[in-house]
Amino acid sequence: VYNLASLTHAPLTDVQTVLVPPGGAVAVDLKAEVPGTFLLVDHALTRLHKGAVAELTVEGEPNPTVYRELPAR
């Protein structure tokens, strides 16, 4: 995570969430370890119906050591 999208400073590492102030920006570099479709949202989930969501589609080989689906009960 490059806070305030500053690519000239060292990135934050091992973070799961980051605050982006109004009018601010953040640049991220991530590595997905499993394939799938992931939704990116902010914590104001009421904005979902207004389109404040991104869909990240990751392709690749499954990695059951990280994640595996359990059979339906």
PDB file of N, CA and C in Angstrom:
ATOM      1  N   VAL A   1       0.853  -1.178   0.000  1.00  0.00           N
ATOM      2  CA  VAL A   1       0.000   0.000   0.000  1.00  0.00           C
ATOM      3  C   VAL A   1       0.892   1.232   0.000  1.00  0.00           C
ATOM      4  N   TYR A   2       0.747   2.034  -1.008  1.00  0.00           N
ATOM      5  CA  TYR A   2       1.449   3.306  -1.067  1.00  0.00           C
ATOM      6  C   TYR A   2       0.487   4.380  -0.585  1.00  0.00           C
ATOM      7  N   ASN A   3       0.669   4.783   0.669  1.00  0.00           N
ATOM      8  CA  ASN A   3      -0.241   5.739   1.281  1.00  0.00           C
ATOM      9  C   ASN A   3      -0.256   7.052   0.513  1.00  0.00           C
ATOM     10  N   LEU A   4      -1.433   7.581   0.303  1.00  0.00           N
ATOM     11  CA  LEU A   4      -1.652   8.808  -0.461  1.00  0.00           C
ATOM     12  C   LEU A   4      -1.068   8.698  -1.871  1.00  0.00           C
ATOM     13  N   ALA A   5      -0.934   7.466  -2.365  1.00  0.00           N
ATOM     14  CA  ALA A   5      -0.423   7.158  -3.703  1.00  0.00           C
ATOM     15  C   ALA A   5       0.982   7.689  -3.920  1.00  0.00           C
ATOM     16  N   SER A   6       1.745   7.812  -2.842  1.00  0.00           N
ATOM     17  CA  SER A   6       3.117   8.303  -2.936  1.00  0.00           C
ATOM     18  C   SER A   6       4.044   7.148  -3.280  1.00  0.00           C
ATOM     19  N   LEU A   7       4.433   7.066  -4.541  1.00  0.00           N
ATOM     20  CA  LEU A   7       5.288   5.983  -4.995  1.00  0.00           C
ATOM     21  C   LEU A   7       6.761   6.227  -4.679  1.00  0.00           C
ATOM     22  N   THR A   8       7.076   7.387  -4.133  1.00  0.00           N
ATOM     23  CA  THR A   8       8.466   7.683  -3.788  1.00  0.00           C
ATOM     24  C   THR A   8       8.795   7.344  -2.336  1.00  0.00           C
ATOM     25  N   HIS A   9       7.797   6.955  -1.551  1.00  0.00           N
ATOM     26  CA  HIS A   9       8.018   6.525  -0.169  1.00  0.00           C
ATOM     27  C   HIS A   9       7.892   5.014  -0.077  1.00  0.00           C
ATOM     28  N   ALA A  10       8.462   4.439   0.940  1.00  0.00           N
ATOM     29  CA  ALA A  10       8.360   2.992   1.145  1.00  0.00           C
ATOM     30  C   ALA A  10       6.902   2.608   1.382  1.00  0.00           C
ATOM     31  N   PRO A  11       6.466   1.485   0.829  1.00  0.00           N
ATOM     32  CA  PRO A  11       5.066   1.084   1.018  1.00  0.00           C
ATOM     33  C   PRO A  11       4.826   0.509   2.407  1.00  0.00           C
ATOM     34  N   LEU A  12       3.566   0.581   2.832  1.00  0.00           N
ATOM     35  CA  LEU A  12       3.134  -0.138   4.027  1.00  0.00           C
ATOM     36  C   LEU A  12       3.039  -1.605   3.633  1.00  0.00           C
ATOM     37  N   THR A  13       3.391  -2.508   4.520  1.00  0.00           N
ATOM     38  CA  THR A  13       3.319  -3.929   4.197  1.00  0.00           C
ATOM     39  C   THR A  13       2.442  -4.650   5.209  1.00  0.00           C
ATOM     40  N   ASP A  14       1.940  -5.808   4.791  1.00  0.00           N
ATOM     41  CA  ASP A  14       1.140  -6.682   5.662  1.00  0.00           C
ATOM     42  C   ASP A  14      -0.085  -5.974   6.239  1.00  0.00           C
ATOM     43  N   VAL A  15      -0.750  -5.163   5.430  1.00  0.00           N
ATOM     44  CA  VAL A  15      -1.973  -4.499   5.873  1.00  0.00           C
ATOM     45  C   VAL A  15      -3.159  -5.075   5.105  1.00  0.00           C
ATOM     46  N   GLN A  16      -4.296  -5.106   5.765  1.00  0.00           N
ATOM     47  CA  GLN A  16      -5.495  -5.661   5.155  1.00  0.00           C
ATOM     48  C   GLN A  16      -6.462  -4.572   4.711  1.00  0.00           C
ATOM     49  N   THR A  17      -6.453  -3.457   5.417  1.00  0.00           N
ATOM     50  CA  THR A  17      -7.313  -2.333   5.055  1.00  0.00           C
ATOM     51  C   THR A  17      -6.498  -1.049   5.118  1.00  0.00           C
ATOM     52  N   VAL A  18      -6.996  -0.040   4.442  1.00  0.00           N
ATOM     53  CA  VAL A  18      -6.315   1.252   4.445  1.00  0.00           C
ATOM     54  C   VAL A  18      -7.379   2.342   4.316  1.00  0.00           C
ATOM     55  N   LEU A  19      -7.155   3.446   4.986  1.00  0.00           N
ATOM     56  CA  LEU A  19      -8.078   4.577   4.906  1.00  0.00           C
ATOM     57  C   LEU A  19      -7.730   5.430   3.695  1.00  0.00           C
ATOM     58  N   VAL A  20      -8.739   5.825   2.970  1.00  0.00           N
ATOM     59  CA  VAL A  20      -8.564   6.735   1.839  1.00  0.00           C
ATOM     60  C   VAL A  20      -9.456   7.937   2.115  1.00  0.00           C
ATOM     61  N   PRO A  21      -8.865   9.072   2.446  1.00  0.00           N
ATOM     62  CA  PRO A  21      -9.681  10.237   2.781  1.00  0.00           C
ATOM     63  C   PRO A  21     -10.408  10.788   1.558  1.00  0.00           C
ATOM     64  N   PRO A  22     -11.485  11.540   1.778  1.00  0.00           N
ATOM     65  CA  PRO A  22     -12.176  12.169   0.646  1.00  0.00           C
ATOM     66  C   PRO A  22     -11.188  13.008  -0.169  1.00  0.00           C
ATOM     67  N   GLY A  23     -11.172  12.788  -1.457  1.00  0.00           N
ATOM     68  CA  GLY A  23     -10.248  13.502  -2.328  1.00  0.00           C
ATOM     69  C   GLY A  23      -8.845  12.917  -2.318  1.00  0.00           C
ATOM     70  N   GLY A  24      -8.648  11.839  -1.553  1.00  0.00           N
ATOM     71  CA  GLY A  24      -7.330  11.228  -1.454  1.00  0.00           C
ATOM     72  C   GLY A  24      -7.181  10.065  -2.422  1.00  0.00           C
ATOM     73  N   ALA A  25      -6.048   9.415  -2.344  1.00  0.00           N
ATOM     74  CA  ALA A  25      -5.776   8.280  -3.220  1.00  0.00           C
ATOM     75  C   ALA A  25      -4.848   7.305  -2.514  1.00  0.00           C
ATOM     76  N   VAL A  26      -4.876   6.084  -2.972  1.00  0.00           N
ATOM     77  CA  VAL A  26      -3.972   5.045  -2.487  1.00  0.00           C
ATOM     78  C   VAL A  26      -3.597   4.191  -3.684  1.00  0.00           C
ATOM     79  N   ALA A  27      -2.353   3.777  -3.756  1.00  0.00           N
ATOM     80  CA  ALA A  27      -1.910   2.835  -4.775  1.00  0.00           C
ATOM     81  C   ALA A  27      -1.550   1.536  -4.066  1.00  0.00           C
ATOM     82  N   VAL A  28      -1.983   0.431  -4.630  1.00  0.00           N
ATOM     83  CA  VAL A  28      -1.693  -0.867  -4.007  1.00  0.00           C
ATOM     84  C   VAL A  28      -1.064  -1.804  -5.026  1.00  0.00           C
ATOM     85  N   ASP A  29      -0.277  -2.705  -4.515  1.00  0.00           N
ATOM     86  CA  ASP A  29       0.310  -3.776  -5.302  1.00  0.00           C
ATOM     87  C   ASP A  29      -0.011  -5.042  -4.526  1.00  0.00           C
ATOM     88  N   LEU A  30      -0.709  -5.969  -5.153  1.00  0.00           N
ATOM     89  CA  LEU A  30      -1.093  -7.164  -4.417  1.00  0.00           C
ATOM     90  C   LEU A  30      -0.827  -8.410  -5.224  1.00  0.00           C
ATOM     91  N   LYS A  31      -0.698  -9.503  -4.512  1.00  0.00           N
ATOM     92  CA  LYS A  31      -0.488 -10.804  -5.133  1.00  0.00           C
ATOM     93  C   LYS A  31      -1.581 -11.726  -4.625  1.00  0.00           C
ATOM     94  N   ALA A  32      -2.423 -12.202  -5.519  1.00  0.00           N
ATOM     95  CA  ALA A  32      -3.473 -13.131  -5.139  1.00  0.00           C
ATOM     96  C   ALA A  32      -2.897 -14.547  -5.134  1.00  0.00           C
ATOM     97  N   GLU A  33      -3.192 -15.300  -4.096  1.00  0.00           N
ATOM     98  CA  GLU A  33      -2.644 -16.636  -3.974  1.00  0.00           C
ATOM     99  C   GLU A  33      -3.620 -17.724  -4.390  1.00  0.00           C
ATOM    100  N   VAL A  34      -4.853 -17.342  -4.680  1.00  0.00           N
ATOM    101  CA  VAL A  34      -5.856 -18.292  -5.157  1.00  0.00           C
ATOM    102  C   VAL A  34      -6.680 -17.625  -6.248  1.00  0.00           C
ATOM    103  N   PRO A  35      -7.170 -18.400  -7.216  1.00  0.00           N
ATOM    104  CA  PRO A  35      -8.047 -17.831  -8.234  1.00  0.00           C
ATOM    105  C   PRO A  35      -9.434 -17.573  -7.651  1.00  0.00           C
ATOM    106  N   GLY A  36     -10.161 -16.677  -8.282  1.00  0.00           N
ATOM    107  CA  GLY A  36     -11.528 -16.411  -7.857  1.00  0.00           C
ATOM    108  C   GLY A  36     -11.949 -15.020  -8.263  1.00  0.00           C
ATOM    109  N   THR A  37     -13.155 -14.659  -7.881  1.00  0.00           N
ATOM    110  CA  THR A  37     -13.678 -13.321  -8.100  1.00  0.00           C
ATOM    111  C   THR A  37     -13.799 -12.654  -6.744  1.00  0.00           C
ATOM    112  N   PHE A  38     -13.160 -11.520  -6.592  1.00  0.00           N
ATOM    113  CA  PHE A  38     -13.107 -10.815  -5.316  1.00  0.00           C
ATOM    114  C   PHE A  38     -13.744  -9.444  -5.478  1.00  0.00           C
ATOM    115  N   LEU A  39     -14.596  -9.072  -4.534  1.00  0.00           N
ATOM    116  CA  LEU A  39     -15.229  -7.761  -4.553  1.00  0.00           C
ATOM    117  C   LEU A  39     -14.431  -6.805  -3.691  1.00  0.00           C
ATOM    118  N   LEU A  40     -14.192  -5.621  -4.206  1.00  0.00           N
ATOM    119  CA  LEU A  40     -13.502  -4.571  -3.463  1.00  0.00           C
ATOM    120  C   LEU A  40     -14.520  -3.504  -3.118  1.00  0.00           C
ATOM    121  N   VAL A  41     -14.699  -3.260  -1.835  1.00  0.00           N
ATOM    122  CA  VAL A  41     -15.702  -2.303  -1.370  1.00  0.00           C
ATOM    123  C   VAL A  41     -15.104  -1.433  -0.276  1.00  0.00           C
ATOM    124  N   ASP A  42     -15.782  -0.332   0.002  1.00  0.00           N
ATOM    125  CA  ASP A  42     -15.403   0.428   1.190  1.00  0.00           C
ATOM    126  C   ASP A  42     -16.340   0.015   2.323  1.00  0.00           C
ATOM    127  N   HIS A  43     -16.123   0.563   3.487  1.00  0.00           N
ATOM    128  CA  HIS A  43     -16.914   0.131   4.631  1.00  0.00           C
ATOM    129  C   HIS A  43     -18.307   0.762   4.675  1.00  0.00           C
ATOM    130  N   ALA A  44     -18.602   1.663   3.781  1.00  0.00           N
ATOM    131  CA  ALA A  44     -19.956   2.209   3.682  1.00  0.00           C
ATOM    132  C   ALA A  44     -20.731   1.321   2.711  1.00  0.00           C
ATOM    133  N   LEU A  45     -21.126   0.160   3.182  1.00  0.00           N
ATOM    134  CA  LEU A  45     -21.754  -0.834   2.304  1.00  0.00           C
ATOM    135  C   LEU A  45     -23.064  -0.337   1.697  1.00  0.00           C
ATOM    136  N   THR A  46     -23.639   0.702   2.262  1.00  0.00           N
ATOM    137  CA  THR A  46     -24.870   1.250   1.678  1.00  0.00           C
ATOM    138  C   THR A  46     -24.613   1.848   0.301  1.00  0.00           C
ATOM    139  N   ARG A  47     -23.356   2.099  -0.040  1.00  0.00           N
ATOM    140  CA  ARG A  47     -23.037   2.653  -1.363  1.00  0.00           C
ATOM    141  C   ARG A  47     -22.930   1.567  -2.437  1.00  0.00           C
ATOM    142  N   LEU A  48     -23.033   0.314  -2.046  1.00  0.00           N
ATOM    143  CA  LEU A  48     -22.960  -0.767  -3.026  1.00  0.00           C
ATOM    144  C   LEU A  48     -24.006  -0.611  -4.119  1.00  0.00           C
ATOM    145  N   HIS A  49     -25.242  -0.306  -3.723  1.00  0.00           N
ATOM    146  CA  HIS A  49     -26.311  -0.204  -4.722  1.00  0.00           C
ATOM    147  C   HIS A  49     -26.131   0.999  -5.648  1.00  0.00           C
ATOM    148  N   LYS A  50     -25.222   1.889  -5.303  1.00  0.00           N
ATOM    149  CA  LYS A  50     -24.919   3.023  -6.171  1.00  0.00           C
ATOM    150  C   LYS A  50     -23.730   2.729  -7.086  1.00  0.00           C
ATOM    151  N   GLY A  51     -23.177   1.524  -6.961  1.00  0.00           N
ATOM    152  CA  GLY A  51     -22.086   1.128  -7.836  1.00  0.00           C
ATOM    153  C   GLY A  51     -20.696   1.274  -7.247  1.00  0.00           C
ATOM    154  N   ALA A  52     -20.597   1.536  -5.954  1.00  0.00           N
ATOM    155  CA  ALA A  52     -19.287   1.707  -5.326  1.00  0.00           C
ATOM    156  C   ALA A  52     -18.679   0.343  -5.000  1.00  0.00           C
ATOM    157  N   VAL A  53     -18.394  -0.421  -6.039  1.00  0.00           N
ATOM    158  CA  VAL A  53     -17.812  -1.750  -5.878  1.00  0.00           C
ATOM    159  C   VAL A  53     -16.971  -2.051  -7.118  1.00  0.00           C
ATOM    160  N   ALA A  54     -15.900  -2.782  -6.908  1.00  0.00           N
ATOM    161  CA  ALA A  54     -15.073  -3.242  -8.024  1.00  0.00           C
ATOM    162  C   ALA A  54     -14.981  -4.760  -7.951  1.00  0.00           C
ATOM    163  N   GLU A  55     -14.878  -5.384  -9.085  1.00  0.00           N
ATOM    164  CA  GLU A  55     -14.762  -6.839  -9.156  1.00  0.00           C
ATOM    165  C   GLU A  55     -13.382  -7.179  -9.720  1.00  0.00           C
ATOM    166  N   LEU A  56     -12.620  -7.942  -8.945  1.00  0.00           N
ATOM    167  CA  LEU A  56     -11.291  -8.367  -9.356  1.00  0.00           C
ATOM    168  C   LEU A  56     -11.348  -9.852  -9.667  1.00  0.00           C
ATOM    169  N   THR A  57     -11.082 -10.217 -10.920  1.00  0.00           N
ATOM    170  CA  THR A  57     -11.116 -11.619 -11.331  1.00  0.00           C
ATOM    171  C   THR A  57      -9.683 -12.117 -11.466  1.00  0.00           C
ATOM    172  N   VAL A  58      -9.366 -13.172 -10.713  1.00  0.00           N
ATOM    173  CA  VAL A  58      -8.024 -13.748 -10.702  1.00  0.00           C
ATOM    174  C   VAL A  58      -8.094 -15.138 -11.307  1.00  0.00           C
ATOM    175  N   GLU A  59      -7.257 -15.391 -12.286  1.00  0.00           N
ATOM    176  CA  GLU A  59      -7.187 -16.708 -12.915  1.00  0.00           C
ATOM    177  C   GLU A  59      -5.919 -17.411 -12.462  1.00  0.00           C
ATOM    178  N   GLY A  60      -5.935 -18.733 -12.514  1.00  0.00           N
ATOM    179  CA  GLY A  60      -4.749 -19.490 -12.164  1.00  0.00           C
ATOM    180  C   GLY A  60      -5.107 -20.829 -11.572  1.00  0.00           C
ATOM    181  N   GLU A  61      -4.088 -21.553 -11.188  1.00  0.00           N
ATOM    182  CA  GLU A  61      -4.286 -22.872 -10.606  1.00  0.00           C
ATOM    183  C   GLU A  61      -4.769 -22.752  -9.164  1.00  0.00           C
ATOM    184  N   PRO A  62      -5.684 -23.636  -8.755  1.00  0.00           N
ATOM    185  CA  PRO A  62      -6.107 -23.635  -7.350  1.00  0.00           C
ATOM    186  C   PRO A  62      -4.920 -23.897  -6.416  1.00  0.00           C
ATOM    187  N   ASN A  63      -5.013 -23.395  -5.216  1.00  0.00           N
ATOM    188  CA  ASN A  63      -3.973 -23.598  -4.216  1.00  0.00           C
ATOM    189  C   ASN A  63      -4.647 -24.062  -2.929  1.00  0.00           C
ATOM    190  N   PRO A  64      -4.927 -25.376  -2.804  1.00  0.00           N
ATOM    191  CA  PRO A  64      -5.669 -25.872  -1.648  1.00  0.00           C
ATOM    192  C   PRO A  64      -4.939 -25.705  -0.322  1.00  0.00           C
ATOM    193  N   THR A  65      -3.647 -25.413  -0.341  1.00  0.00           N
ATOM    194  CA  THR A  65      -2.969 -25.153   0.927  1.00  0.00           C
ATOM    195  C   THR A  65      -3.354 -23.794   1.500  1.00  0.00           C
ATOM    196  N   VAL A  66      -3.883 -22.911   0.644  1.00  0.00           N
ATOM    197  CA  VAL A  66      -4.327 -21.594   1.088  1.00  0.00           C
ATOM    198  C   VAL A  66      -5.842 -21.578   1.280  1.00  0.00           C
ATOM    199  N   TYR A  67      -6.577 -22.154   0.314  1.00  0.00           N
ATOM    200  CA  TYR A  67      -8.032 -22.086   0.354  1.00  0.00           C
ATOM    201  C   TYR A  67      -8.596 -23.253  -0.425  1.00  0.00           C
ATOM    202  N   ARG A  68      -9.646 -23.871   0.127  1.00  0.00           N
ATOM    203  CA  ARG A  68     -10.370 -24.899  -0.608  1.00  0.00           C
ATOM    204  C   ARG A  68     -11.827 -24.841  -0.199  1.00  0.00           C
ATOM    205  N   GLU A  69     -12.704 -25.119  -1.152  1.00  0.00           N
ATOM    206  CA  GLU A  69     -14.130 -25.138  -0.867  1.00  0.00           C
ATOM    207  C   GLU A  69     -14.498 -26.419  -0.136  1.00  0.00           C
ATOM    208  N   LEU A  70     -15.381 -26.279   0.832  1.00  0.00           N
ATOM    209  CA  LEU A  70     -15.883 -27.443   1.540  1.00  0.00           C
ATOM    210  C   LEU A  70     -17.148 -27.938   0.862  1.00  0.00           C
ATOM    211  N   PRO A  71     -17.404 -29.234   0.878  1.00  0.00           N
ATOM    212  CA  PRO A  71     -18.637 -29.732   0.273  1.00  0.00           C
ATOM    213  C   PRO A  71     -19.861 -29.201   1.010  1.00  0.00           C
ATOM    214  N   ALA A  72     -20.938 -28.977   0.260  1.00  0.00           N
ATOM    215  CA  ALA A  72     -22.192 -28.497   0.879  1.00  0.00           C
ATOM    216  C   ALA A  72     -22.732 -29.574   1.818  1.00  0.00           C
ATOM    217  N   ARG A  73     -23.332 -29.127   2.879  1.00  0.00           N
ATOM    218  CA  ARG A  73     -23.901 -30.071   3.848  1.00  0.00           C
ATOM    219  C   ARG A  73     -25.309 -30.412   3.504  1.00  0.00           C
TER     220      ARG A  73
END
